[in-house]
C-alpha atoms as a PDB file:
ATOM      1  CA  MET A   1    -114.917  38.533  59.538  1.00  0.00           C
ATOM      2  CA  ASP A   2    -111.225  37.783  59.977  1.00  0.00           C
ATOM      3  CA  GLN A   3    -110.650  34.733  58.020  1.00  0.00           C
ATOM      4  CA  ASN A   4    -108.285  33.741  60.336  1.00  0.00           C
ATOM      5  CA  CYS A   5    -110.511  34.301  63.547  1.00  0.00           C
ATOM      6  CA  ALA A   6    -111.748  30.934  64.850  1.00  0.00           C
ATOM      7  CA  TYR A   7    -115.267  33.079  66.709  1.00  0.00           C
ATOM      8  CA  CYS A   8    -116.343  34.356  62.694  1.00  0.00           C
ATOM      9  CA  MET A   9    -115.305  31.175  60.763  1.00  0.00           C
ATOM     10  CA  GLU A  10    -116.511  28.831  63.428  1.00  0.00           C
ATOM     11  CA  GLY A  11    -115.660  25.176  62.161  1.00  0.00           C
ATOM     12  CA  GLU A  12    -112.669  23.174  62.743  1.00  0.00           C
ATOM     13  CA  LEU A  13    -111.204  26.253  64.152  1.00  0.00           C
ATOM     14  CA  VAL A  14    -113.308  26.243  66.865  1.00  0.00           C
ATOM     15  CA  ALA A  15    -113.718  22.723  67.192  1.00  0.00           C
ATOM     16  CA  GLN A  16    -110.379  22.559  68.596  1.00  0.00           C
ATOM     17  CA  PHE A  17    -111.206  23.817  72.280  1.00  0.00           C
ATOM     18  CA  GLY A  18    -115.176  24.769  71.807  1.00  0.00           C
ATOM     19  CA  ILE A  19    -118.322  23.266  70.933  1.00  0.00           C
ATOM     20  CA  LYS A  20    -120.814  25.743  70.530  1.00  0.00           C
ATOM     21  CA  ILE A  21    -123.879  25.759  72.611  1.00  0.00           C
ATOM     22  CA  CYS A  22    -126.424  28.484  70.976  1.00  0.00           C
ATOM     23  CA  GLU A  23    -126.435  32.211  69.608  1.00  0.00           C
ATOM     24  CA  LEU A  24    -127.752  34.972  72.162  1.00  0.00           C
ATOM     25  CA  PRO A  25    -127.936  38.616  70.520  1.00  0.00           C
ATOM     26  CA  THR A  26    -124.998  39.926  70.426  1.00  0.00           C
ATOM     27  CA  SER A  27    -122.743  36.689  71.351  1.00  0.00           C
ATOM     28  CA  LYS A  28    -121.960  32.688  70.734  1.00  0.00           C
ATOM     29  CA  VAL A  29    -122.107  30.790  73.627  1.00  0.00           C
ATOM     30  CA  TYR A  30    -119.147  27.977  73.114  1.00  0.00           C
ATOM     31  CA  LEU A  31    -118.595  24.790  75.365  1.00  0.00           C
ATOM     32  CA  PHE A  32    -115.099  24.899  76.353  1.00  0.00           C
ATOM     33  CA  LYS A  33    -113.902  21.160  75.503  1.00  0.00           C
ATOM     34  CA  GLU A  34    -111.119  21.825  79.107  1.00  0.00           C
ATOM     35  CA  GLN A  35    -113.191  21.188  81.585  1.00  0.00           C
ATOM     36  CA  SER A  36    -111.407  20.889  84.427  1.00  0.00           C
ATOM     37  CA  HIS A  37    -114.064  23.196  85.665  1.00  0.00           C
ATOM     38  CA  LYS A  38    -117.832  22.160  85.459  1.00  0.00           C
ATOM     39  CA  GLY A  39    -119.127  23.989  83.043  1.00  0.00           C
ATOM     40  CA  ARG A  40    -116.623  26.437  81.695  1.00  0.00           C
ATOM     41  CA  VAL A  41    -117.713  28.823  78.916  1.00  0.00           C
ATOM     42  CA  ILE A  42    -116.624  30.943  76.228  1.00  0.00           C
ATOM     43  CA  VAL A  43    -118.993  33.819  75.286  1.00  0.00           C
ATOM     44  CA  ALA A  44    -117.527  35.321  71.584  1.00  0.00           C
ATOM     45  CA  HIS A  45    -118.910  38.902  70.651  1.00  0.00           C
ATOM     46  CA  LYS A  46    -120.686  38.010  67.031  1.00  0.00           C
ATOM     47  CA  LYS A  47    -118.701  41.234  66.033  1.00  0.00           C
ATOM     48  CA  HIS A  48    -114.375  40.817  65.665  1.00  0.00           C
ATOM     49  CA  VAL A  49    -113.701  43.624  67.316  1.00  0.00           C
ATOM     50  CA  SER A  50    -110.470  43.192  70.041  1.00  0.00           C
ATOM     51  CA  GLU A  51    -111.672  45.418  72.877  1.00  0.00           C
ATOM     52  CA  ILE A  52    -114.535  46.169  74.426  1.00  0.00           C
ATOM     53  CA  VAL A  53    -113.770  49.675  73.662  1.00  0.00           C
ATOM     54  CA  GLU A  54    -114.936  48.890  70.272  1.00  0.00           C
ATOM     55  CA  LEU A  55    -117.662  48.703  70.940  1.00  0.00           C
ATOM     56  CA  THR A  56    -120.819  51.318  71.134  1.00  0.00           C
ATOM     57  CA  ALA A  57    -121.982  51.936  74.121  1.00  0.00           C
ATOM     58  CA  GLU A  58    -125.148  50.668  73.590  1.00  0.00           C
ATOM     59  CA  GLU A  59    -123.595  47.227  71.834  1.00  0.00           C
ATOM     60  CA  ARG A  60    -121.476  47.211  75.272  1.00  0.00           C
ATOM     61  CA  ALA A  61    -124.224  47.011  77.566  1.00  0.00           C
ATOM     62  CA  ALA A  62    -125.969  43.997  75.681  1.00  0.00           C
ATOM     63  CA  TYR A  63    -123.140  41.965  75.603  1.00  0.00           C
ATOM     64  CA  MET A  64    -122.865  42.539  79.510  1.00  0.00           C
ATOM     65  CA  GLU A  65    -126.246  41.331  79.384  1.00  0.00           C
ATOM     66  CA  ASP A  66    -125.364  38.134  77.193  1.00  0.00           C
ATOM     67  CA  ILE A  67    -122.387  37.614  79.658  1.00  0.00           C
ATOM     68  CA  ASN A  68    -124.915  37.712  82.807  1.00  0.00           C
ATOM     69  CA  HIS A  69    -127.746  35.788  81.071  1.00  0.00           C
ATOM     70  CA  VAL A  70    -124.804  32.603  81.201  1.00  0.00           C
ATOM     71  CA  ALA A  71    -123.678  33.365  84.281  1.00  0.00           C
ATOM     72  CA  GLU A  72    -127.557  32.919  85.650  1.00  0.00           C
ATOM     73  CA  ALA A  73    -127.077  29.937  83.847  1.00  0.00           C
ATOM     74  CA  LEU A  74    -124.326  28.639  84.605  1.00  0.00           C
ATOM     75  CA  HIS A  75    -125.323  29.179  88.232  1.00  0.00           C
ATOM     76  CA  SER A  76    -128.662  27.615  88.025  1.00  0.00           C
ATOM     77  CA  ALA A  77    -127.414  24.418  86.198  1.00  0.00           C
ATOM     78  CA  PHE A  78    -124.478  23.589  88.194  1.00  0.00           C
ATOM     79  CA  HIS A  79    -124.492  25.701  91.679  1.00  0.00           C
ATOM     80  CA  PRO A  80    -120.540  26.733  91.561  1.00  0.00           C
ATOM     81  CA  GLN A  81    -120.164  29.195  94.953  1.00  0.00           C
ATOM     82  CA  LYS A  82    -117.964  31.897  92.767  1.00  0.00           C
ATOM     83  CA  ILE A  83    -117.224  32.651  88.573  1.00  0.00           C
ATOM     84  CA  ASN A  84    -114.196  33.930  87.731  1.00  0.00           C
ATOM     85  CA  TYR A  85    -114.362  36.168  85.068  1.00  0.00           C
ATOM     86  CA  GLY A  86    -111.519  36.350  81.787  1.00  0.00           C
ATOM     87  CA  ALA A  87    -111.429  38.291  78.556  1.00  0.00           C
ATOM     88  CA  TYR A  88    -107.722  37.989  77.561  1.00  0.00           C
ATOM     89  CA  GLY A  89    -107.254  37.882  74.054  1.00  0.00           C
ATOM     90  CA  ASP A  90    -103.400  38.583  73.979  1.00  0.00           C
ATOM     91  CA  THR A  91    -103.573  35.603  70.705  1.00  0.00           C
ATOM     92  CA  GLY A  92    -106.774  35.639  69.502  1.00  0.00           C
ATOM     93  CA  HIS A  93    -107.616  39.232  68.772  1.00  0.00           C
ATOM     94  CA  HIS A  94    -111.682  38.481  69.101  1.00  0.00           C
ATOM     95  CA  LEU A  95    -113.613  39.711  71.961  1.00  0.00           C
ATOM     96  CA  HIS A  96    -114.526  37.299  74.319  1.00  0.00           C
ATOM     97  CA  PHE A  97    -114.867  36.171  78.129  1.00  0.00           C
ATOM     98  CA  HIS A  98    -113.791  32.801  79.208  1.00  0.00           C
ATOM     99  CA  LEU A  99    -117.028  32.197  82.269  1.00  0.00           C
ATOM    100  CA  VAL A 100    -115.215  29.475  84.670  1.00  0.00           C
ATOM    101  CA  PRO A 101    -117.608  28.075  87.137  1.00  0.00           C
ATOM    102  CA  LYS A 102    -114.982  28.087  91.003  1.00  0.00           C
ATOM    103  CA  TYR A 103    -116.295  25.181  93.355  1.00  0.00           C
ATOM    104  CA  THR A 104    -115.402  25.271  96.949  1.00  0.00           C
ATOM    105  CA  GLY A 105    -112.272  23.296  98.279  1.00  0.00           C
ATOM    106  CA  GLU A 106    -111.675  21.734  93.816  1.00  0.00           C
ATOM    107  CA  TYR A 107    -109.280  22.453  91.333  1.00  0.00           C
ATOM    108  CA  GLU A 108    -107.742  25.696  92.085  1.00  0.00           C
ATOM    109  CA  TRP A 109    -110.063  27.425  94.035  1.00  0.00           C
ATOM    110  CA  GLY A 110    -109.288  30.783  95.394  1.00  0.00           C
ATOM    111  CA  GLY A 111    -106.828  31.786  92.701  1.00  0.00           C
ATOM    112  CA  VAL A 112    -107.105  32.562  89.333  1.00  0.00           C
ATOM    113  CA  PHE A 113    -107.755  29.751  86.445  1.00  0.00           C
ATOM    114  CA  ALA A 114    -105.549  28.532  84.408  1.00  0.00           C
ATOM    115  CA  MET A 115    -106.020  29.471  80.312  1.00  0.00           C
ATOM    116  CA  ASN A 116    -106.070  25.591  78.868  1.00  0.00           C
ATOM    117  CA  PRO A 117    -104.635  23.394  81.956  1.00  0.00           C
ATOM    118  CA  GLY A 118    -105.199  20.256  80.270  1.00  0.00           C
ATOM    119  CA  GLU A 119    -106.462  18.124  82.541  1.00  0.00           C
ATOM    120  CA  THR A 120    -109.938  17.353  82.191  1.00  0.00           C
ATOM    121  CA  PHE A 121    -111.578  16.321  78.774  1.00  0.00           C
ATOM    122  CA  LEU A 122    -114.444  14.718  78.518  1.00  0.00           C
ATOM    123  CA  SER A 123    -116.261  11.948  76.407  1.00  0.00           C
ATOM    124  CA  ASP A 124    -118.544  13.124  73.418  1.00  0.00           C
ATOM    125  CA  GLU A 125    -121.846  12.386  75.378  1.00  0.00           C
ATOM    126  CA  GLU A 126    -120.576  14.257  78.820  1.00  0.00           C
ATOM    127  CA  TYR A 127    -119.820  17.468  76.638  1.00  0.00           C
ATOM    128  CA  ALA A 128    -123.705  16.682  74.856  1.00  0.00           C
ATOM    129  CA  SER A 129    -124.857  16.025  77.957  1.00  0.00           C
ATOM    130  CA  LEU A 130    -123.449  19.459  79.796  1.00  0.00           C
ATOM    131  CA  ILE A 131    -124.495  21.104  77.234  1.00  0.00           C
ATOM    132  CA  GLU A 132    -127.969  20.400  77.368  1.00  0.00           C
ATOM    133  CA  GLU A 133    -128.018  21.456  81.231  1.00  0.00           C
ATOM    134  CA  ILE A 134    -127.203  24.944  80.963  1.00  0.00           C
ATOM    135  CA  LYS A 135    -128.948  25.177  77.796  1.00  0.00           C
ATOM    136  CA  LYS A 136    -132.062  24.796  80.535  1.00  0.00           C
ATOM    137  CA  TYR A 137    -131.556  27.961  81.373  1.00  0.00           C
ATOM    138  CA  LEU A 138    -130.743  30.015  78.640  1.00  0.00           C
END
């Protein structure tokens, strides 16, 4: 655990960019507050590791199952044409994937998603509604 890590400490650090949806066997799932892509979430590993190669084969397989489970939930909830998966962590050294639903003809279709475009923020009620829709399938 890292005292400076948003995913380890949660609370106000993670609240700057995400809202916790739930915990899965190996991960924590957060709704990304910037919602230019409806349903964008983060799936952060529960262990404080920087790279996927730091996990055992069993841990890696279990984490990929969590990521797949969340992707299935996003497809069921929002019916995107594609989900982009991004695992960067250049500045935050805690293994996490961004799952970014993409919709034909909408914002950034056909290209890489922007990390934090700052375009779309929602009301607390709208965030709660998205979370409830995702939770139906988790």
